[in-house]
Amino acid sequence: MTETLTVNVGGMTCDGCSSNVSSALNSLASVSSADVSHVTGTAVITHSGATFEEIKLAIQKSGYLVDGESEPFNWTDGPVWRQSAHNTKWCLVG
């Protein structure tokens, strides 16, 4: 049975970000399509049998947040700045 799930995705700032999340979701065997928009901050996922945890993990592994998750921002946290630089680079490069 095919189902559709809409997930809020945080941290996307450009089409490259949307593409990264879309690729991560489409790599899941049970996902037939993923329409991801950085403008709305959502991913509309059509799947057959994927669990929310599988979807959430795929999004997190691509470097983004799910369903309004937030982490306290630490201005001295090197990995946060590296991830931010990485995301910005992909936004600029495409």
PDB file of N, CA and C in Angstrom:
ATOM      1  N   MET A   1       0.835  -1.172   0.000  1.00  0.00           N
ATOM      2  CA  MET A   1       0.000   0.000   0.000  1.00  0.00           C
ATOM      3  C   MET A   1       0.889   1.248   0.000  1.00  0.00           C
ATOM      4  N   THR A   2       0.586   2.175  -0.857  1.00  0.00           N
ATOM      5  CA  THR A   2       1.356   3.411  -0.957  1.00  0.00           C
ATOM      6  C   THR A   2       0.776   4.459  -0.024  1.00  0.00           C
ATOM      7  N   GLU A   3       1.672   5.115   0.710  1.00  0.00           N
ATOM      8  CA  GLU A   3       1.274   6.165   1.645  1.00  0.00           C
ATOM      9  C   GLU A   3       2.056   7.428   1.332  1.00  0.00           C
ATOM     10  N   THR A   4       1.500   8.560   1.759  1.00  0.00           N
ATOM     11  CA  THR A   4       2.186   9.844   1.611  1.00  0.00           C
ATOM     12  C   THR A   4       2.390  10.450   2.986  1.00  0.00           C
ATOM     13  N   LEU A   5       3.592  10.924   3.230  1.00  0.00           N
ATOM     14  CA  LEU A   5       3.957  11.518   4.512  1.00  0.00           C
ATOM     15  C   LEU A   5       4.605  12.873   4.250  1.00  0.00           C
ATOM     16  N   THR A   6       4.173  13.885   4.988  1.00  0.00           N
ATOM     17  CA  THR A   6       4.797  15.205   4.902  1.00  0.00           C
ATOM     18  C   THR A   6       5.599  15.441   6.169  1.00  0.00           C
ATOM     19  N   VAL A   7       6.870  15.784   5.995  1.00  0.00           N
ATOM     20  CA  VAL A   7       7.786  15.970   7.119  1.00  0.00           C
ATOM     21  C   VAL A   7       8.371  17.375   7.036  1.00  0.00           C
ATOM     22  N   ASN A   8       8.429  18.057   8.158  1.00  0.00           N
ATOM     23  CA  ASN A   8       9.104  19.355   8.224  1.00  0.00           C
ATOM     24  C   ASN A   8      10.605  19.120   8.316  1.00  0.00           C
ATOM     25  N   VAL A   9      11.358  19.794   7.450  1.00  0.00           N
ATOM     26  CA  VAL A   9      12.812  19.638   7.408  1.00  0.00           C
ATOM     27  C   VAL A   9      13.445  20.996   7.687  1.00  0.00           C
ATOM     28  N   GLY A  10      14.303  21.055   8.685  1.00  0.00           N
ATOM     29  CA  GLY A  10      14.960  22.303   9.053  1.00  0.00           C
ATOM     30  C   GLY A  10      16.384  22.372   8.551  1.00  0.00           C
ATOM     31  N   GLY A  11      16.842  23.589   8.269  1.00  0.00           N
ATOM     32  CA  GLY A  11      18.231  23.811   7.897  1.00  0.00           C
ATOM     33  C   GLY A  11      18.477  23.938   6.410  1.00  0.00           C
ATOM     34  N   MET A  12      17.441  23.772   5.580  1.00  0.00           N
ATOM     35  CA  MET A  12      17.626  23.897   4.136  1.00  0.00           C
ATOM     36  C   MET A  12      17.563  25.373   3.742  1.00  0.00           C
ATOM     37  N   THR A  13      18.504  25.787   2.885  1.00  0.00           N
ATOM     38  CA  THR A  13      18.549  27.191   2.478  1.00  0.00           C
ATOM     39  C   THR A  13      18.551  27.399   0.968  1.00  0.00           C
ATOM     40  N   CYS A  14      18.651  26.319   0.191  1.00  0.00           N
ATOM     41  CA  CYS A  14      18.730  26.491  -1.263  1.00  0.00           C
ATOM     42  C   CYS A  14      18.280  25.218  -1.968  1.00  0.00           C
ATOM     43  N   ASP A  15      18.271  25.275  -3.314  1.00  0.00           N
ATOM     44  CA  ASP A  15      17.886  24.109  -4.109  1.00  0.00           C
ATOM     45  C   ASP A  15      18.842  22.936  -3.897  1.00  0.00           C
ATOM     46  N   GLY A  16      20.113  23.239  -3.657  1.00  0.00           N
ATOM     47  CA  GLY A  16      21.086  22.178  -3.400  1.00  0.00           C
ATOM     48  C   GLY A  16      20.743  21.402  -2.143  1.00  0.00           C
ATOM     49  N   CYS A  17      20.299  22.117  -1.123  1.00  0.00           N
ATOM     50  CA  CYS A  17      19.876  21.465   0.123  1.00  0.00           C
ATOM     51  C   CYS A  17      18.686  20.553  -0.153  1.00  0.00           C
ATOM     52  N   SER A  18      17.711  21.065  -0.896  1.00  0.00           N
ATOM     53  CA  SER A  18      16.529  20.274  -1.241  1.00  0.00           C
ATOM     54  C   SER A  18      16.936  19.020  -2.003  1.00  0.00           C
ATOM     55  N   SER A  19      17.867  19.185  -2.924  1.00  0.00           N
ATOM     56  CA  SER A  19      18.349  18.060  -3.721  1.00  0.00           C
ATOM     57  C   SER A  19      19.051  17.018  -2.859  1.00  0.00           C
ATOM     58  N   ASN A  20      19.852  17.465  -1.894  1.00  0.00           N
ATOM     59  CA  ASN A  20      20.537  16.529  -0.996  1.00  0.00           C
ATOM     60  C   ASN A  20      19.540  15.695  -0.209  1.00  0.00           C
ATOM     61  N   VAL A  21      18.521  16.349   0.341  1.00  0.00           N
ATOM     62  CA  VAL A  21      17.511  15.635   1.125  1.00  0.00           C
ATOM     63  C   VAL A  21      16.725  14.692   0.220  1.00  0.00           C
ATOM     64  N   SER A  22      16.365  15.169  -0.962  1.00  0.00           N
ATOM     65  CA  SER A  22      15.624  14.340  -1.909  1.00  0.00           C
ATOM     66  C   SER A  22      16.415  13.089  -2.281  1.00  0.00           C
ATOM     67  N   SER A  23      17.697  13.244  -2.551  1.00  0.00           N
ATOM     68  CA  SER A  23      18.549  12.096  -2.891  1.00  0.00           C
ATOM     69  C   SER A  23      18.625  11.107  -1.744  1.00  0.00           C
ATOM     70  N   ALA A  24      18.763  11.622  -0.524  1.00  0.00           N
ATOM     71  CA  ALA A  24      18.839  10.746   0.647  1.00  0.00           C
ATOM     72  C   ALA A  24      17.551   9.947   0.805  1.00  0.00           C
ATOM     73  N   LEU A  25      16.420  10.610   0.620  1.00  0.00           N
ATOM     74  CA  LEU A  25      15.136   9.923   0.762  1.00  0.00           C
ATOM     75  C   LEU A  25      14.897   8.931  -0.368  1.00  0.00           C
ATOM     76  N   ASN A  26      15.229   9.328  -1.590  1.00  0.00           N
ATOM     77  CA  ASN A  26      15.016   8.438  -2.733  1.00  0.00           C
ATOM     78  C   ASN A  26      15.950   7.235  -2.721  1.00  0.00           C
ATOM     79  N   SER A  27      17.003   7.280  -1.906  1.00  0.00           N
ATOM     80  CA  SER A  27      17.903   6.127  -1.803  1.00  0.00           C
ATOM     81  C   SER A  27      17.291   5.006  -0.964  1.00  0.00           C
ATOM     82  N   LEU A  28      16.232   5.322  -0.224  1.00  0.00           N
ATOM     83  CA  LEU A  28      15.547   4.297   0.561  1.00  0.00           C
ATOM     84  C   LEU A  28      14.708   3.431  -0.375  1.00  0.00           C
ATOM     85  N   ALA A  29      14.831   2.117  -0.241  1.00  0.00           N
ATOM     86  CA  ALA A  29      14.137   1.189  -1.139  1.00  0.00           C
ATOM     87  C   ALA A  29      12.622   1.356  -1.113  1.00  0.00           C
ATOM     88  N   SER A  30      12.064   1.696   0.030  1.00  0.00           N
ATOM     89  CA  SER A  30      10.608   1.789   0.153  1.00  0.00           C
ATOM     90  C   SER A  30      10.040   3.144  -0.251  1.00  0.00           C
ATOM     91  N   VAL A  31      10.906   4.096  -0.620  1.00  0.00           N
ATOM     92  CA  VAL A  31      10.440   5.426  -1.034  1.00  0.00           C
ATOM     93  C   VAL A  31      10.345   5.455  -2.556  1.00  0.00           C
ATOM     94  N   SER A  32       9.150   5.789  -3.066  1.00  0.00           N
ATOM     95  CA  SER A  32       8.978   5.869  -4.515  1.00  0.00           C
ATOM     96  C   SER A  32       9.196   7.285  -5.037  1.00  0.00           C
ATOM     97  N   SER A  33       8.946   8.305  -4.198  1.00  0.00           N
ATOM     98  CA  SER A  33       9.247   9.677  -4.606  1.00  0.00           C
ATOM     99  C   SER A  33       9.337  10.577  -3.386  1.00  0.00           C
ATOM    100  N   ALA A  34      10.117  11.643  -3.540  1.00  0.00           N
ATOM    101  CA  ALA A  34      10.257  12.636  -2.473  1.00  0.00           C
ATOM    102  C   ALA A  34      10.302  14.011  -3.115  1.00  0.00           C
ATOM    103  N   ASP A  35       9.321  14.839  -2.780  1.00  0.00           N
ATOM    104  CA  ASP A  35       9.266  16.215  -3.278  1.00  0.00           C
ATOM    105  C   ASP A  35       9.687  17.115  -2.126  1.00  0.00           C
ATOM    106  N   VAL A  36      10.897  17.663  -2.214  1.00  0.00           N
ATOM    107  CA  VAL A  36      11.482  18.428  -1.112  1.00  0.00           C
ATOM    108  C   VAL A  36      11.609  19.889  -1.522  1.00  0.00           C
ATOM    109  N   SER A  37      11.184  20.790  -0.634  1.00  0.00           N
ATOM    110  CA  SER A  37      11.247  22.225  -0.917  1.00  0.00           C
ATOM    111  C   SER A  37      11.915  22.966   0.229  1.00  0.00           C
ATOM    112  N   HIS A  38      12.999  23.688  -0.094  1.00  0.00           N
ATOM    113  CA  HIS A  38      13.629  24.517   0.940  1.00  0.00           C
ATOM    114  C   HIS A  38      12.778  25.749   1.228  1.00  0.00           C
ATOM    115  N   VAL A  39      11.934  26.144   0.286  1.00  0.00           N
ATOM    116  CA  VAL A  39      11.074  27.316   0.462  1.00  0.00           C
ATOM    117  C   VAL A  39      10.041  27.064   1.559  1.00  0.00           C
ATOM    118  N   THR A  40       9.379  25.907   1.490  1.00  0.00           N
ATOM    119  CA  THR A  40       8.364  25.571   2.496  1.00  0.00           C
ATOM    120  C   THR A  40       8.954  24.818   3.679  1.00  0.00           C
ATOM    121  N   GLY A  41      10.168  24.289   3.511  1.00  0.00           N
ATOM    122  CA  GLY A  41      10.792  23.518   4.579  1.00  0.00           C
ATOM    123  C   GLY A  41      10.132  22.176   4.800  1.00  0.00           C
ATOM    124  N   THR A  42       9.627  21.583   3.701  1.00  0.00           N
ATOM    125  CA  THR A  42       8.939  20.302   3.827  1.00  0.00           C
ATOM    126  C   THR A  42       9.459  19.281   2.827  1.00  0.00           C
ATOM    127  N   ALA A  43       9.207  18.027   3.167  1.00  0.00           N
ATOM    128  CA  ALA A  43       9.444  16.916   2.257  1.00  0.00           C
ATOM    129  C   ALA A  43       8.145  16.124   2.198  1.00  0.00           C
ATOM    130  N   VAL A  44       7.610  15.952   0.989  1.00  0.00           N
ATOM    131  CA  VAL A  44       6.414  15.139   0.792  1.00  0.00           C
ATOM    132  C   VAL A  44       6.898  13.822   0.206  1.00  0.00           C
ATOM    133  N   ILE A  45       6.743  12.762   0.982  1.00  0.00           N
ATOM    134  CA  ILE A  45       7.347  11.477   0.658  1.00  0.00           C
ATOM    135  C   ILE A  45       6.258  10.463   0.347  1.00  0.00           C
ATOM    136  N   THR A  46       6.343   9.842  -0.829  1.00  0.00           N
ATOM    137  CA  THR A  46       5.448   8.755  -1.195  1.00  0.00           C
ATOM    138  C   THR A  46       6.233   7.464  -0.999  1.00  0.00           C
ATOM    139  N   HIS A  47       5.682   6.572  -0.195  1.00  0.00           N
ATOM    140  CA  HIS A  47       6.420   5.359   0.157  1.00  0.00           C
ATOM    141  C   HIS A  47       5.472   4.186   0.354  1.00  0.00           C
ATOM    142  N   SER A  48       6.056   3.010   0.396  1.00  0.00           N
ATOM    143  CA  SER A  48       5.290   1.819   0.735  1.00  0.00           C
ATOM    144  C   SER A  48       6.040   1.074   1.822  1.00  0.00           C
ATOM    145  N   GLY A  49       5.668   1.371   3.050  1.00  0.00           N
ATOM    146  CA  GLY A  49       6.214   0.645   4.185  1.00  0.00           C
ATOM    147  C   GLY A  49       7.400   1.270   4.888  1.00  0.00           C
ATOM    148  N   ALA A  50       7.827   2.444   4.503  1.00  0.00           N
ATOM    149  CA  ALA A  50       8.943   3.084   5.211  1.00  0.00           C
ATOM    150  C   ALA A  50       8.467   3.538   6.582  1.00  0.00           C
ATOM    151  N   THR A  51       9.315   3.379   7.575  1.00  0.00           N
ATOM    152  CA  THR A  51       8.959   3.867   8.906  1.00  0.00           C
ATOM    153  C   THR A  51       9.406   5.320   9.041  1.00  0.00           C
ATOM    154  N   PHE A  52       8.770   6.021   9.963  1.00  0.00           N
ATOM    155  CA  PHE A  52       9.152   7.410  10.206  1.00  0.00           C
ATOM    156  C   PHE A  52      10.612   7.476  10.643  1.00  0.00           C
ATOM    157  N   GLU A  53      11.051   6.512  11.438  1.00  0.00           N
ATOM    158  CA  GLU A  53      12.440   6.503  11.913  1.00  0.00           C
ATOM    159  C   GLU A  53      13.428   6.360  10.759  1.00  0.00           C
ATOM    160  N   GLU A  54      13.114   5.520   9.762  1.00  0.00           N
ATOM    161  CA  GLU A  54      13.990   5.375   8.591  1.00  0.00           C
ATOM    162  C   GLU A  54      14.089   6.691   7.827  1.00  0.00           C
ATOM    163  N   ILE A  55      12.948   7.326   7.643  1.00  0.00           N
ATOM    164  CA  ILE A  55      12.901   8.597   6.924  1.00  0.00           C
ATOM    165  C   ILE A  55      13.661   9.670   7.699  1.00  0.00           C
ATOM    166  N   LYS A  56      13.411   9.728   8.989  1.00  0.00           N
ATOM    167  CA  LYS A  56      14.075  10.711   9.850  1.00  0.00           C
ATOM    168  C   LYS A  56      15.593  10.523   9.811  1.00  0.00           C
ATOM    169  N   LEU A  57      16.045   9.286   9.908  1.00  0.00           N
ATOM    170  CA  LEU A  57      17.479   8.996   9.901  1.00  0.00           C
ATOM    171  C   LEU A  57      18.121   9.402   8.572  1.00  0.00           C
ATOM    172  N   ALA A  58      17.439   9.143   7.461  1.00  0.00           N
ATOM    173  CA  ALA A  58      17.978   9.520   6.148  1.00  0.00           C
ATOM    174  C   ALA A  58      18.148  11.034   6.051  1.00  0.00           C
ATOM    175  N   ILE A  59      17.167  11.773   6.561  1.00  0.00           N
ATOM    176  CA  ILE A  59      17.251  13.235   6.530  1.00  0.00           C
ATOM    177  C   ILE A  59      18.374  13.721   7.441  1.00  0.00           C
ATOM    178  N   GLN A  60      18.457  13.153   8.635  1.00  0.00           N
ATOM    179  CA  GLN A  60      19.502  13.557   9.584  1.00  0.00           C
ATOM    180  C   GLN A  60      20.892  13.254   9.041  1.00  0.00           C
ATOM    181  N   LYS A  61      21.062  12.099   8.399  1.00  0.00           N
ATOM    182  CA  LYS A  61      22.370  11.731   7.846  1.00  0.00           C
ATOM    183  C   LYS A  61      22.794  12.668   6.718  1.00  0.00           C
ATOM    184  N   SER A  62      21.813  13.306   6.074  1.00  0.00           N
ATOM    185  CA  SER A  62      22.169  14.260   5.019  1.00  0.00           C
ATOM    186  C   SER A  62      22.458  15.644   5.595  1.00  0.00           C
ATOM    187  N   GLY A  63      22.354  15.782   6.927  1.00  0.00           N
ATOM    188  CA  GLY A  63      22.785  17.010   7.593  1.00  0.00           C
ATOM    189  C   GLY A  63      21.691  17.996   7.953  1.00  0.00           C
ATOM    190  N   TYR A  64      20.442  17.538   7.987  1.00  0.00           N
ATOM    191  CA  TYR A  64      19.329  18.447   8.258  1.00  0.00           C
ATOM    192  C   TYR A  64      18.509  17.955   9.445  1.00  0.00           C
ATOM    193  N   LEU A  65      17.642  18.811   9.934  1.00  0.00           N
ATOM    194  CA  LEU A  65      16.819  18.504  11.101  1.00  0.00           C
ATOM    195  C   LEU A  65      15.417  18.100  10.668  1.00  0.00           C
ATOM    196  N   VAL A  66      14.747  17.320  11.519  1.00  0.00           N
ATOM    197  CA  VAL A  66      13.420  16.801  11.208  1.00  0.00           C
ATOM    198  C   VAL A  66      12.403  17.281  12.226  1.00  0.00           C
ATOM    199  N   ASP A  67      11.204  17.642  11.735  1.00  0.00           N
ATOM    200  CA  ASP A  67      10.060  17.967  12.599  1.00  0.00           C
ATOM    201  C   ASP A  67      10.370  18.959  13.700  1.00  0.00           C
ATOM    202  N   GLY A  68      10.998  20.045  13.340  1.00  0.00           N
ATOM    203  CA  GLY A  68      11.219  21.112  14.304  1.00  0.00           C
ATOM    204  C   GLY A  68      12.238  20.812  15.384  1.00  0.00           C
ATOM    205  N   GLU A  69      13.043  19.772  15.186  1.00  0.00           N
ATOM    206  CA  GLU A  69      14.112  19.510  16.148  1.00  0.00           C
ATOM    207  C   GLU A  69      15.007  20.735  16.208  1.00  0.00           C
ATOM    208  N   SER A  70      15.508  20.999  17.331  1.00  0.00           N
ATOM    209  CA  SER A  70      16.474  22.090  17.404  1.00  0.00           C
ATOM    210  C   SER A  70      17.547  21.716  18.405  1.00  0.00           C
ATOM    211  N   GLU A  71      18.695  22.219  18.135  1.00  0.00           N
ATOM    212  CA  GLU A  71      19.811  21.998  19.039  1.00  0.00           C
ATOM    213  C   GLU A  71      20.261  23.369  19.519  1.00  0.00           C
ATOM    214  N   PRO A  72      20.607  23.497  20.779  1.00  0.00           N
ATOM    215  CA  PRO A  72      21.093  24.797  21.238  1.00  0.00           C
ATOM    216  C   PRO A  72      22.346  25.179  20.454  1.00  0.00           C
ATOM    217  N   PHE A  73      22.402  26.416  20.007  1.00  0.00           N
ATOM    218  CA  PHE A  73      23.528  26.852  19.192  1.00  0.00           C
ATOM    219  C   PHE A  73      24.702  27.229  20.078  1.00  0.00           C
ATOM    220  N   ASN A  74      25.836  26.613  19.808  1.00  0.00           N
ATOM    221  CA  ASN A  74      27.061  26.882  20.537  1.00  0.00           C
ATOM    222  C   ASN A  74      28.012  27.597  19.575  1.00  0.00           C
ATOM    223  N   TRP A  75      28.273  28.858  19.822  1.00  0.00           N
ATOM    224  CA  TRP A  75      29.095  29.663  18.926  1.00  0.00           C
ATOM    225  C   TRP A  75      30.523  29.152  18.791  1.00  0.00           C
ATOM    226  N   THR A  76      30.982  28.310  19.704  1.00  0.00           N
ATOM    227  CA  THR A  76      32.353  27.807  19.631  1.00  0.00           C
ATOM    228  C   THR A  76      32.411  26.359  19.154  1.00  0.00           C
ATOM    229  N   ASP A  77      31.308  25.819  18.700  1.00  0.00           N
ATOM    230  CA  ASP A  77      31.234  24.420  18.282  1.00  0.00           C
ATOM    231  C   ASP A  77      31.735  24.262  16.843  1.00  0.00           C
ATOM    232  N   GLY A  78      32.940  23.727  16.699  1.00  0.00           N
ATOM    233  CA  GLY A  78      33.563  23.556  15.386  1.00  0.00           C
ATOM    234  C   GLY A  78      32.732  22.752  14.401  1.00  0.00           C
ATOM    235  N   PRO A  79      32.183  21.589  14.791  1.00  0.00           N
ATOM    236  CA  PRO A  79      31.386  20.809  13.840  1.00  0.00           C
ATOM    237  C   PRO A  79      30.172  21.568  13.298  1.00  0.00           C
ATOM    238  N   VAL A  80      29.571  22.409  14.128  1.00  0.00           N
ATOM    239  CA  VAL A  80      28.431  23.210  13.665  1.00  0.00           C
ATOM    240  C   VAL A  80      28.879  24.154  12.561  1.00  0.00           C
ATOM    241  N   TRP A  81      30.016  24.805  12.755  1.00  0.00           N
ATOM    242  CA  TRP A  81      30.524  25.733  11.745  1.00  0.00           C
ATOM    243  C   TRP A  81      30.952  24.990  10.480  1.00  0.00           C
ATOM    244  N   ARG A  82      31.532  23.801  10.629  1.00  0.00           N
ATOM    245  CA  ARG A  82      31.919  23.018   9.449  1.00  0.00           C
ATOM    246  C   ARG A  82      30.682  22.628   8.644  1.00  0.00           C
ATOM    247  N   GLN A  83      29.612  22.180   9.348  1.00  0.00           N
ATOM    248  CA  GLN A  83      28.384  21.804   8.646  1.00  0.00           C
ATOM    249  C   GLN A  83      27.772  23.023   7.966  1.00  0.00           C
ATOM    250  N   SER A  84      27.793  24.155   8.643  1.00  0.00           N
ATOM    251  CA  SER A  84      27.261  25.387   8.059  1.00  0.00           C
ATOM    252  C   SER A  84      28.053  25.778   6.813  1.00  0.00           C
ATOM    253  N   ALA A  85      29.370  25.689   6.889  1.00  0.00           N
ATOM    254  CA  ALA A  85      30.219  26.010   5.737  1.00  0.00           C
ATOM    255  C   ALA A  85      29.958  25.036   4.593  1.00  0.00           C
ATOM    256  N   HIS A  86      29.791  23.759   4.932  1.00  0.00           N
ATOM    257  CA  HIS A  86      29.505  22.734   3.924  1.00  0.00           C
ATOM    258  C   HIS A  86      28.181  23.040   3.221  1.00  0.00           C
ATOM    259  N   ASN A  87      27.136  23.335   4.000  1.00  0.00           N
ATOM    260  CA  ASN A  87      25.829  23.640   3.415  1.00  0.00           C
ATOM    261  C   ASN A  87      25.903  24.891   2.548  1.00  0.00           C
ATOM    262  N   THR A  88      26.610  25.915   3.023  1.00  0.00           N
ATOM    263  CA  THR A  88      26.746  27.159   2.262  1.00  0.00           C
ATOM    264  C   THR A  88      27.499  26.912   0.963  1.00  0.00           C
ATOM    265  N   LYS A  89      28.545  26.100   1.033  1.00  0.00           N
ATOM    266  CA  LYS A  89      29.322  25.772  -0.172  1.00  0.00           C
ATOM    267  C   LYS A  89      28.420  25.139  -1.221  1.00  0.00           C
ATOM    268  N   TRP A  90      27.592  24.178  -0.798  1.00  0.00           N
ATOM    269  CA  TRP A  90      26.717  23.511  -1.752  1.00  0.00           C
ATOM    270  C   TRP A  90      25.639  24.440  -2.282  1.00  0.00           C
ATOM    271  N   CYS A  91      25.236  25.414  -1.479  1.00  0.00           N
ATOM    272  CA  CYS A  91      24.269  26.412  -1.961  1.00  0.00           C
ATOM    273  C   CYS A  91      24.894  27.274  -3.045  1.00  0.00           C
ATOM    274  N   LEU A  92      26.166  27.605  -2.884  1.00  0.00           N
ATOM    275  CA  LEU A  92      26.852  28.464  -3.849  1.00  0.00           C
ATOM    276  C   LEU A  92      27.285  27.704  -5.096  1.00  0.00           C
ATOM    277  N   VAL A  93      27.759  26.472  -4.903  1.00  0.00           N
ATOM    278  CA  VAL A  93      28.271  25.678  -6.011  1.00  0.00           C
ATOM    279  C   VAL A  93      27.120  25.068  -6.807  1.00  0.00           C
ATOM    280  N   GLY A  94      26.111  24.602  -6.086  1.00  0.00           N
ATOM    281  CA  GLY A  94      24.939  24.013  -6.743  1.00  0.00           C
ATOM    282  C   GLY A  94      24.981  22.554  -6.854  1.00  0.00           C
TER     283      GLY A  94
END
